[in-house]
């Protein structure tokens, strides 16, 4: 069966995956770009159109960042990763943060309680809007992905919900040396999570620590 994976998901030292006050001009709230500063110089993120001030990096950060797309057939993301709106869609004018050619190039399932017709974009990305619990969303994602893997793209609430449902097989978390104090936390309610995974840490000269989680064998 295909795997369920998380990649390049950054959290602060106090566990926040985004800051408080997300809005159109602040996709990560008061965190600004601080959670992504490790990634912006990498070739992978520059190819996505997320440019830093430095040329593309080929160090350890690029090694981890570049695994993001390998073998992925579909992404599942939360409503707030797709856009800053809350509640019913006012119209269909909002088409995501990424322009006409989003970096996914696969189907994307956006979890939302409010119906919207599928949105076809350039480059092979189609956003499907779905009101479903994690297990049902994963079933539909696998139908779209074929034999390829499913990526859980975030935000923190979506990743946490899939962890709570015990549906994630592999996870790459980037521990960023900042303290945000408020926002959307990843780890709440996940006590004992380390017992489910084999965890390794790889420090980077950029100051972040790459944490990889591999699902331990399930009991028969």
C-alpha atoms as a PDB file:
ATOM      1  CA  UNK A   1       0.000   0.000   0.000  1.00  0.00           C
ATOM      2  CA  UNK A   2       1.172   3.531  -0.666  1.00  0.00           C
ATOM      3  CA  UNK A   3       2.728   5.512   2.180  1.00  0.00           C
ATOM      4  CA  UNK A   4       1.437   8.635   3.888  1.00  0.00           C
ATOM      5  CA  UNK A   5       4.238  11.179   4.255  1.00  0.00           C
ATOM      6  CA  UNK A   6       4.959  14.634   5.670  1.00  0.00           C
ATOM      7  CA  UNK A   7       7.853  16.698   4.286  1.00  0.00           C
ATOM      8  CA  UNK A   8       9.545  20.016   5.056  1.00  0.00           C
ATOM      9  CA  UNK A   9       7.128  20.875   7.860  1.00  0.00           C
ATOM     10  CA  UNK A  10       8.736  23.524  10.077  1.00  0.00           C
ATOM     11  CA  UNK A  11       7.949  24.114  13.746  1.00  0.00           C
ATOM     12  CA  UNK A  12       9.351  26.553  16.267  1.00  0.00           C
ATOM     13  CA  UNK A  13      11.105  25.488  19.471  1.00  0.00           C
ATOM     14  CA  UNK A  14       7.776  25.869  21.272  1.00  0.00           C
ATOM     15  CA  UNK A  15       5.970  23.714  18.720  1.00  0.00           C
ATOM     16  CA  UNK A  16       4.123  26.213  16.516  1.00  0.00           C
ATOM     17  CA  UNK A  17       3.753  25.434  12.811  1.00  0.00           C
ATOM     18  CA  UNK A  18       2.439  28.906  11.998  1.00  0.00           C
ATOM     19  CA  UNK A  19       2.063  32.162  13.841  1.00  0.00           C
ATOM     20  CA  UNK A  20      -1.041  33.947  15.003  1.00  0.00           C
ATOM     21  CA  UNK A  21      -3.003  36.260  12.712  1.00  0.00           C
ATOM     22  CA  UNK A  22      -2.846  34.610   9.292  1.00  0.00           C
ATOM     23  CA  UNK A  23      -4.116  36.968   6.589  1.00  0.00           C
ATOM     24  CA  UNK A  24      -3.629  37.716   2.911  1.00  0.00           C
ATOM     25  CA  UNK A  25      -0.421  39.678   3.429  1.00  0.00           C
ATOM     26  CA  UNK A  26       0.866  37.343   6.165  1.00  0.00           C
ATOM     27  CA  UNK A  27       0.376  33.655   5.220  1.00  0.00           C
ATOM     28  CA  UNK A  28       2.234  32.521   8.369  1.00  0.00           C
ATOM     29  CA  UNK A  29       0.796  35.164  10.663  1.00  0.00           C
ATOM     30  CA  UNK A  30       3.186  36.982  12.971  1.00  0.00           C
ATOM     31  CA  UNK A  31       5.856  34.333  12.263  1.00  0.00           C
ATOM     32  CA  UNK A  32       6.478  35.964   8.890  1.00  0.00           C
ATOM     33  CA  UNK A  33       9.034  33.980   6.886  1.00  0.00           C
ATOM     34  CA  UNK A  34      11.057  32.878   9.920  1.00  0.00           C
ATOM     35  CA  UNK A  35       9.867  29.261   9.818  1.00  0.00           C
ATOM     36  CA  UNK A  36      10.967  28.942   6.179  1.00  0.00           C
ATOM     37  CA  UNK A  37      14.277  30.814   6.183  1.00  0.00           C
ATOM     38  CA  UNK A  38      16.194  27.510   6.226  1.00  0.00           C
ATOM     39  CA  UNK A  39      14.431  26.417   3.028  1.00  0.00           C
ATOM     40  CA  UNK A  40      14.302  29.582   0.910  1.00  0.00           C
ATOM     41  CA  UNK A  41      17.926  29.312  -0.333  1.00  0.00           C
ATOM     42  CA  UNK A  42      17.520  25.685  -1.414  1.00  0.00           C
ATOM     43  CA  UNK A  43      17.211  24.783  -5.072  1.00  0.00           C
ATOM     44  CA  UNK A  44      13.986  22.918  -4.372  1.00  0.00           C
ATOM     45  CA  UNK A  45      12.206  25.945  -2.939  1.00  0.00           C
ATOM     46  CA  UNK A  46      13.619  28.286  -5.560  1.00  0.00           C
ATOM     47  CA  UNK A  47      12.240  25.994  -8.255  1.00  0.00           C
ATOM     48  CA  UNK A  48       8.852  26.375  -6.565  1.00  0.00           C
ATOM     49  CA  UNK A  49       9.166  30.129  -7.014  1.00  0.00           C
ATOM     50  CA  UNK A  50       9.896  30.759  -3.311  1.00  0.00           C
ATOM     51  CA  UNK A  51      13.150  32.661  -3.645  1.00  0.00           C
ATOM     52  CA  UNK A  52      15.557  33.608  -0.921  1.00  0.00           C
ATOM     53  CA  UNK A  53      18.318  36.146  -1.174  1.00  0.00           C
ATOM     54  CA  UNK A  54      21.087  33.563  -1.542  1.00  0.00           C
ATOM     55  CA  UNK A  55      21.713  31.238  -4.522  1.00  0.00           C
ATOM     56  CA  UNK A  56      20.346  27.709  -4.434  1.00  0.00           C
ATOM     57  CA  UNK A  57      21.943  25.526  -1.766  1.00  0.00           C
ATOM     58  CA  UNK A  58      23.107  21.927  -2.218  1.00  0.00           C
ATOM     59  CA  UNK A  59      23.801  21.191   1.469  1.00  0.00           C
ATOM     60  CA  UNK A  60      21.879  19.104   3.981  1.00  0.00           C
ATOM     61  CA  UNK A  61      18.869  21.421   3.801  1.00  0.00           C
ATOM     62  CA  UNK A  62      18.575  20.811   0.061  1.00  0.00           C
ATOM     63  CA  UNK A  63      19.005  17.061   0.590  1.00  0.00           C
ATOM     64  CA  UNK A  64      15.938  16.999   2.828  1.00  0.00           C
ATOM     65  CA  UNK A  65      13.929  19.597   0.903  1.00  0.00           C
ATOM     66  CA  UNK A  66      14.357  17.740  -2.396  1.00  0.00           C
ATOM     67  CA  UNK A  67      12.557  14.622  -1.115  1.00  0.00           C
ATOM     68  CA  UNK A  68       9.299  16.577  -1.052  1.00  0.00           C
ATOM     69  CA  UNK A  69       8.008  15.520  -4.462  1.00  0.00           C
ATOM     70  CA  UNK A  70       9.612  12.110  -5.013  1.00  0.00           C
ATOM     71  CA  UNK A  71       6.984   9.409  -5.431  1.00  0.00           C
ATOM     72  CA  UNK A  72       4.057  11.665  -4.470  1.00  0.00           C
ATOM     73  CA  UNK A  73       0.748  11.248  -6.298  1.00  0.00           C
ATOM     74  CA  UNK A  74      -1.505  13.595  -4.309  1.00  0.00           C
ATOM     75  CA  UNK A  75      -1.363  16.086  -1.436  1.00  0.00           C
ATOM     76  CA  UNK A  76      -3.896  16.619   1.329  1.00  0.00           C
ATOM     77  CA  UNK A  77      -3.907  20.092   2.876  1.00  0.00           C
ATOM     78  CA  UNK A  78      -6.055  22.034   5.284  1.00  0.00           C
ATOM     79  CA  UNK A  79      -8.265  24.956   4.278  1.00  0.00           C
ATOM     80  CA  UNK A  80      -5.888  27.514   5.812  1.00  0.00           C
ATOM     81  CA  UNK A  81      -2.935  26.296   3.762  1.00  0.00           C
ATOM     82  CA  UNK A  82      -4.946  26.954   0.612  1.00  0.00           C
ATOM     83  CA  UNK A  83      -5.985  30.453   1.634  1.00  0.00           C
ATOM     84  CA  UNK A  84      -6.705  32.922   4.455  1.00  0.00           C
ATOM     85  CA  UNK A  85     -10.509  32.831   4.157  1.00  0.00           C
ATOM     86  CA  UNK A  86     -12.777  31.382   6.820  1.00  0.00           C
ATOM     87  CA  UNK A  87     -16.345  30.126   6.538  1.00  0.00           C
ATOM     88  CA  UNK A  88     -18.314  29.804   3.270  1.00  0.00           C
ATOM     89  CA  UNK A  89     -16.454  30.754   0.112  1.00  0.00           C
ATOM     90  CA  UNK A  90     -17.508  34.295  -0.840  1.00  0.00           C
ATOM     91  CA  UNK A  91     -16.896  33.393  -4.502  1.00  0.00           C
ATOM     92  CA  UNK A  92     -14.416  31.342  -6.548  1.00  0.00           C
ATOM     93  CA  UNK A  93     -11.936  34.125  -7.223  1.00  0.00           C
ATOM     94  CA  UNK A  94      -9.352  32.879  -4.696  1.00  0.00           C
ATOM     95  CA  UNK A  95      -7.114  30.312  -6.419  1.00  0.00           C
ATOM     96  CA  UNK A  96      -4.443  29.715  -3.764  1.00  0.00           C
ATOM     97  CA  UNK A  97      -1.200  31.424  -2.809  1.00  0.00           C
ATOM     98  CA  UNK A  98       0.863  29.979  -5.665  1.00  0.00           C
ATOM     99  CA  UNK A  99      -0.266  31.670  -8.876  1.00  0.00           C
ATOM    100  CA  UNK A 100      -1.571  29.959 -12.002  1.00  0.00           C
ATOM    101  CA  UNK A 101       1.007  27.135 -11.922  1.00  0.00           C
ATOM    102  CA  UNK A 102       1.206  25.800  -8.338  1.00  0.00           C
ATOM    103  CA  UNK A 103       4.259  23.678  -7.448  1.00  0.00           C
ATOM    104  CA  UNK A 104       2.307  20.483  -6.688  1.00  0.00           C
ATOM    105  CA  UNK A 105       1.702  19.165 -10.253  1.00  0.00           C
ATOM    106  CA  UNK A 106      -0.621  16.517  -8.774  1.00  0.00           C
ATOM    107  CA  UNK A 107      -4.186  16.461  -7.503  1.00  0.00           C
ATOM    108  CA  UNK A 108      -4.565  18.272  -4.161  1.00  0.00           C
ATOM    109  CA  UNK A 109      -7.352  17.616  -1.676  1.00  0.00           C
ATOM    110  CA  UNK A 110      -8.272  20.703   0.363  1.00  0.00           C
ATOM    111  CA  UNK A 111     -10.144  19.844   3.573  1.00  0.00           C
ATOM    112  CA  UNK A 112     -12.985  22.291   4.102  1.00  0.00           C
ATOM    113  CA  UNK A 113     -16.511  22.220   5.492  1.00  0.00           C
ATOM    114  CA  UNK A 114     -17.748  24.346   2.597  1.00  0.00           C
ATOM    115  CA  UNK A 115     -18.421  23.001  -0.895  1.00  0.00           C
ATOM    116  CA  UNK A 116     -16.563  24.318  -3.909  1.00  0.00           C
ATOM    117  CA  UNK A 117     -16.197  22.897  -7.420  1.00  0.00           C
ATOM    118  CA  UNK A 118     -12.771  21.414  -8.393  1.00  0.00           C
ATOM    119  CA  UNK A 119     -10.238  23.991  -9.520  1.00  0.00           C
ATOM    120  CA  UNK A 120      -7.971  23.044 -12.429  1.00  0.00           C
ATOM    121  CA  UNK A 121      -4.665  24.905 -12.618  1.00  0.00           C
ATOM    122  CA  UNK A 122      -1.707  24.903 -14.995  1.00  0.00           C
ATOM    123  CA  UNK A 123       0.975  22.241 -14.660  1.00  0.00           C
ATOM    124  CA  UNK A 124      -1.261  19.340 -13.673  1.00  0.00           C
ATOM    125  CA  UNK A 125      -2.519  20.628 -10.312  1.00  0.00           C
ATOM    126  CA  UNK A 126      -6.237  20.251  -9.595  1.00  0.00           C
ATOM    127  CA  UNK A 127      -7.634  21.299  -6.213  1.00  0.00           C
ATOM    128  CA  UNK A 128     -10.488  19.130  -4.931  1.00  0.00           C
ATOM    129  CA  UNK A 129     -12.472  20.528  -1.993  1.00  0.00           C
ATOM    130  CA  UNK A 130     -13.659  17.885   0.449  1.00  0.00           C
ATOM    131  CA  UNK A 131     -15.510  17.776   3.761  1.00  0.00           C
ATOM    132  CA  UNK A 132     -14.202  14.568   5.333  1.00  0.00           C
ATOM    133  CA  UNK A 133     -12.443  13.076   8.341  1.00  0.00           C
ATOM    134  CA  UNK A 134      -8.811  11.958   7.862  1.00  0.00           C
ATOM    135  CA  UNK A 135      -9.534   8.302   7.054  1.00  0.00           C
ATOM    136  CA  UNK A 136     -12.121   9.154   4.376  1.00  0.00           C
ATOM    137  CA  UNK A 137      -9.901  11.881   2.921  1.00  0.00           C
ATOM    138  CA  UNK A 138      -7.014   9.418   2.716  1.00  0.00           C
ATOM    139  CA  UNK A 139      -9.196   6.855   0.963  1.00  0.00           C
ATOM    140  CA  UNK A 140     -10.127   9.391  -1.688  1.00  0.00           C
ATOM    141  CA  UNK A 141      -6.536  10.610  -1.983  1.00  0.00           C
ATOM    142  CA  UNK A 142      -5.284   7.082  -2.619  1.00  0.00           C
ATOM    143  CA  UNK A 143      -7.875   6.676  -5.357  1.00  0.00           C
ATOM    144  CA  UNK A 144      -6.415   9.762  -7.038  1.00  0.00           C
ATOM    145  CA  UNK A 145      -2.771   8.824  -6.376  1.00  0.00           C
ATOM    146  CA  UNK A 146      -2.792   5.338  -7.865  1.00  0.00           C
ATOM    147  CA  UNK A 147       0.257   3.476  -6.560  1.00  0.00           C
ATOM    148  CA  UNK A 148       2.073   6.670  -5.550  1.00  0.00           C
ATOM    149  CA  UNK A 149       2.327   8.053  -2.016  1.00  0.00           C
ATOM    150  CA  UNK A 150       0.129  10.642  -0.319  1.00  0.00           C
ATOM    151  CA  UNK A 151       1.671  13.762   1.195  1.00  0.00           C
ATOM    152  CA  UNK A 152       0.042  15.541   4.138  1.00  0.00           C
ATOM    153  CA  UNK A 153       0.991  19.125   3.436  1.00  0.00           C
ATOM    154  CA  UNK A 154      -0.257  20.958   6.519  1.00  0.00           C
ATOM    155  CA  UNK A 155      -1.028  23.147   8.312  1.00  0.00           C
ATOM    156  CA  UNK A 156      -0.348  22.046  11.838  1.00  0.00           C
ATOM    157  CA  UNK A 157      -3.962  21.128  12.610  1.00  0.00           C
ATOM    158  CA  UNK A 158      -4.205  18.876   9.553  1.00  0.00           C
ATOM    159  CA  UNK A 159      -0.921  17.087  10.309  1.00  0.00           C
ATOM    160  CA  UNK A 160      -1.970  16.664  13.942  1.00  0.00           C
ATOM    161  CA  UNK A 161      -5.351  15.197  12.937  1.00  0.00           C
ATOM    162  CA  UNK A 162      -3.668  12.585  10.740  1.00  0.00           C
ATOM    163  CA  UNK A 163      -1.236  11.747  13.555  1.00  0.00           C
ATOM    164  CA  UNK A 164      -4.132  11.417  15.992  1.00  0.00           C
ATOM    165  CA  UNK A 165      -5.788   9.010  13.548  1.00  0.00           C
ATOM    166  CA  UNK A 166      -2.496   7.036  13.314  1.00  0.00           C
ATOM    167  CA  UNK A 167      -2.392   7.399   9.528  1.00  0.00           C
ATOM    168  CA  UNK A 168       1.124   8.780   8.943  1.00  0.00           C
ATOM    169  CA  UNK A 169       4.001   6.468   7.975  1.00  0.00           C
ATOM    170  CA  UNK A 170       6.906   8.882   7.449  1.00  0.00           C
ATOM    171  CA  UNK A 171       7.433  12.427   8.631  1.00  0.00           C
ATOM    172  CA  UNK A 172      10.098  15.096   8.160  1.00  0.00           C
ATOM    173  CA  UNK A 173       9.846  17.876  10.744  1.00  0.00           C
ATOM    174  CA  UNK A 174      12.240  20.815  10.754  1.00  0.00           C
ATOM    175  CA  UNK A 175      12.930  22.254  14.206  1.00  0.00           C
ATOM    176  CA  UNK A 176      13.640  25.972  13.741  1.00  0.00           C
ATOM    177  CA  UNK A 177      15.482  27.828  16.558  1.00  0.00           C
ATOM    178  CA  UNK A 178      12.878  30.512  17.139  1.00  0.00           C
ATOM    179  CA  UNK A 179      10.197  30.970  19.813  1.00  0.00           C
ATOM    180  CA  UNK A 180       6.826  32.159  18.506  1.00  0.00           C
ATOM    181  CA  UNK A 181       4.776  32.114  21.696  1.00  0.00           C
ATOM    182  CA  UNK A 182       1.427  31.866  19.938  1.00  0.00           C
ATOM    183  CA  UNK A 183      -0.138  30.466  16.805  1.00  0.00           C
ATOM    184  CA  UNK A 184      -1.073  26.944  15.677  1.00  0.00           C
ATOM    185  CA  UNK A 185       0.692  24.181  17.593  1.00  0.00           C
ATOM    186  CA  UNK A 186       1.563  20.770  16.179  1.00  0.00           C
ATOM    187  CA  UNK A 187       2.158  18.508  19.172  1.00  0.00           C
ATOM    188  CA  UNK A 188      -0.832  19.180  21.448  1.00  0.00           C
ATOM    189  CA  UNK A 189      -2.590  15.970  22.502  1.00  0.00           C
ATOM    190  CA  UNK A 190       0.080  13.694  20.989  1.00  0.00           C
ATOM    191  CA  UNK A 191       1.770  12.484  24.165  1.00  0.00           C
ATOM    192  CA  UNK A 192       3.695   9.258  23.589  1.00  0.00           C
ATOM    193  CA  UNK A 193       3.958   9.856  19.846  1.00  0.00           C
ATOM    194  CA  UNK A 194       7.650   8.847  19.950  1.00  0.00           C
ATOM    195  CA  UNK A 195       6.633   5.278  20.789  1.00  0.00           C
ATOM    196  CA  UNK A 196       5.088   4.899  17.329  1.00  0.00           C
ATOM    197  CA  UNK A 197       8.120   6.075  15.371  1.00  0.00           C
ATOM    198  CA  UNK A 198      11.832   5.535  15.014  1.00  0.00           C
ATOM    199  CA  UNK A 199      13.233   9.072  15.171  1.00  0.00           C
ATOM    200  CA  UNK A 200      16.554  10.434  13.918  1.00  0.00           C
ATOM    201  CA  UNK A 201      17.956  13.967  14.110  1.00  0.00           C
ATOM    202  CA  UNK A 202      20.326  15.672  11.662  1.00  0.00           C
ATOM    203  CA  UNK A 203      21.610  19.177  12.536  1.00  0.00           C
ATOM    204  CA  UNK A 204      22.225  21.675   9.756  1.00  0.00           C
ATOM    205  CA  UNK A 205      24.717  24.565   9.566  1.00  0.00           C
ATOM    206  CA  UNK A 206      21.686  26.792   8.931  1.00  0.00           C
ATOM    207  CA  UNK A 207      20.731  26.257  12.583  1.00  0.00           C
ATOM    208  CA  UNK A 208      17.742  23.960  12.087  1.00  0.00           C
ATOM    209  CA  UNK A 209      17.479  20.298  13.058  1.00  0.00           C
ATOM    210  CA  UNK A 210      15.908  17.866  10.602  1.00  0.00           C
ATOM    211  CA  UNK A 211      13.857  15.238  12.447  1.00  0.00           C
ATOM    212  CA  UNK A 212      12.788  12.134  10.553  1.00  0.00           C
ATOM    213  CA  UNK A 213      10.057   9.857  11.855  1.00  0.00           C
ATOM    214  CA  UNK A 214       9.720   6.331  10.450  1.00  0.00           C
ATOM    215  CA  UNK A 215       6.664   4.321  11.507  1.00  0.00           C
ATOM    216  CA  UNK A 216       7.600   1.317  13.643  1.00  0.00           C
ATOM    217  CA  UNK A 217       6.151  -2.022  12.594  1.00  0.00           C
ATOM    218  CA  UNK A 218       2.582  -2.341  13.733  1.00  0.00           C
ATOM    219  CA  UNK A 219       1.760  -5.131  16.163  1.00  0.00           C
ATOM    220  CA  UNK A 220       0.244  -8.156  14.486  1.00  0.00           C
END
